[in-house]
Every structure is written in structure tokens, then in C-alpha cells.
Protein backbone atom coordinates (compact mmCIF):
# COMPACT_ATOMS: atom_id res chain seq x y z
CA MET A 1 7.74 -12.68 2.39
CA LEU A 2 9.96 -9.70 3.27
CA CYS A 3 12.13 -10.34 0.21
CA LEU A 4 9.04 -10.42 -2.01
CA ASN A 5 7.85 -7.10 -0.52
CA LYS A 6 11.19 -5.42 -1.24
CA GLN A 7 11.09 -6.72 -4.80
CA ILE A 8 7.65 -5.21 -5.35
CA ILE A 9 8.76 -1.83 -4.00
CA GLU A 10 11.95 -1.93 -6.09
CA SER A 11 9.95 -2.69 -9.23
CA LEU A 12 7.62 0.28 -8.64
CA ARG A 13 10.14 2.96 -7.70
CA LEU A 14 11.22 5.56 -10.23
CA HIS A 15 14.81 6.03 -9.01
CA LEU A 16 17.16 4.59 -6.39
CA ASN A 17 15.96 6.51 -3.32
CA ASP A 18 12.32 6.83 -4.32
CA THR A 19 9.94 6.76 -1.35
CA GLY A 20 7.71 9.65 -2.33
CA SER A 21 6.07 8.60 -5.57
CA SER A 22 2.46 7.52 -5.37
CA ALA A 23 3.19 3.96 -6.46
CA VAL A 24 5.80 3.40 -3.75
CA GLN A 25 3.64 5.04 -1.09
CA ILE A 26 0.75 2.74 -2.03
CA ALA A 27 3.05 -0.30 -1.83
CA ILE A 28 4.38 0.69 1.60
CA LEU A 29 0.88 1.38 2.92
CA THR A 30 -0.34 -1.95 1.56
CA LEU A 31 2.42 -3.81 3.37
CA LYS A 32 1.59 -2.01 6.63
CA ILE A 33 -2.12 -2.72 6.17
CA LYS A 34 -1.46 -6.42 5.60
CA SER A 35 0.66 -6.67 8.75
CA LEU A 36 -1.96 -4.84 10.81
CA THR A 37 -4.66 -7.15 9.45
CA LYS A 38 -2.74 -10.12 10.85
CA HIS A 39 -2.33 -8.24 14.14
CA PHE A 40 -6.08 -7.62 14.42
CA ARG A 41 -6.84 -11.30 13.88
CA LYS A 42 -4.75 -12.05 16.94
CA PHE A 43 -5.86 -9.02 19.00
CA PRO A 44 -9.41 -8.11 17.92
CA LYS A 45 -9.98 -5.61 20.75
CA ASP A 46 -7.00 -3.39 19.94
CA TYR A 47 -9.14 -0.34 19.27
CA SER A 48 -6.35 2.23 19.57
CA SER A 49 -4.50 0.73 16.61
CA LYS A 50 -7.66 0.55 14.51
CA LEU A 51 -7.80 4.33 14.18
CA GLY A 52 -4.39 4.44 12.51
CA PHE A 53 -5.39 1.42 10.43
CA ILE A 54 -8.47 3.20 9.13
CA LYS A 55 -6.42 6.31 8.34
CA MET A 56 -3.93 4.21 6.37
CA ILE A 57 -6.73 2.65 4.34
CA ALA A 58 -8.20 6.08 3.58
CA LYS A 59 -4.81 7.47 2.54
CA ARG A 60 -4.17 4.48 0.27
CA LYS A 61 -7.61 4.93 -1.29
CA LYS A 62 -6.88 8.62 -2.00
CA LEU A 63 -3.49 7.79 -3.51
CA LEU A 64 -5.04 5.10 -5.72
CA LYS A 65 -7.68 7.54 -6.93
CA TYR A 66 -4.98 10.13 -7.69
CA LEU A 67 -2.91 7.57 -9.56
CA GLN A 68 -5.91 6.38 -11.55
CA LEU A 69 -6.77 9.91 -12.66
CA ASN A 70 -3.21 10.99 -13.55
CA ASP A 71 -1.39 7.84 -14.70
CA ASN A 72 -3.74 5.01 -15.53
CA ASN A 73 -0.98 2.69 -16.79
CA MET A 74 0.89 2.95 -13.47
CA TYR A 75 -2.41 2.42 -11.63
CA ILE A 76 -2.95 -0.86 -13.46
CA THR A 77 0.64 -1.90 -12.77
CA VAL A 78 0.38 -1.12 -9.06
CA THR A 79 -2.96 -2.87 -8.53
CA SER A 80 -1.80 -5.99 -10.34
CA ALA A 81 1.58 -6.09 -8.56
CA LEU A 82 0.02 -5.68 -5.12
CA GLY A 83 -3.02 -7.85 -5.76
CA LEU A 84 -5.50 -5.05 -5.10
CA ARG A 85 -8.95 -5.17 -6.59
CA LYS A 86 -10.87 -2.17 -7.74
């Protein structure tokens, strides 16, 4: 699974050390959200982590909206590569 995640990030980045583009940020946030989702299934009363989880979801939503408005082709690529629905 980790190898697959690195491949997705490598396919979305614009240059070798790219961690700041919207597509890569969305991919990183998606991976963190997926891992926290598994954590919350095991520990449903972990309320302190849920605040950060909700902030991550909101940030990803804003980045997706930005990407959709400015580069629709990249938006489609990112959502299909990460399996996001919109």
C-alpha cells in the first residue's frame, strides 16, 4: 500500500522535489485522511484527533475547489488517481 501511495504522489508531482503543488498536497492529505479513518474505526472516542481530521478534510476540499477552478484537467486527473468522487 505504501508503494502504491508513493507512485500516486510521484505521478502527480510537477518536478523532483514537489510538495507544494495543489495536486501533491491533495494526495498527501488524502493519504493522511485514509489512515485516520482506519484509526477512528479502532478508537471511535478519540475526539482530540477528530478536530485535526476535520481540518484536513476542509483543507482538501478547498484545494480541490481551487484546482477545479484553475486547472480542470489536473482536477480530473487527481480525482481519478485518488479515487475521490465529486
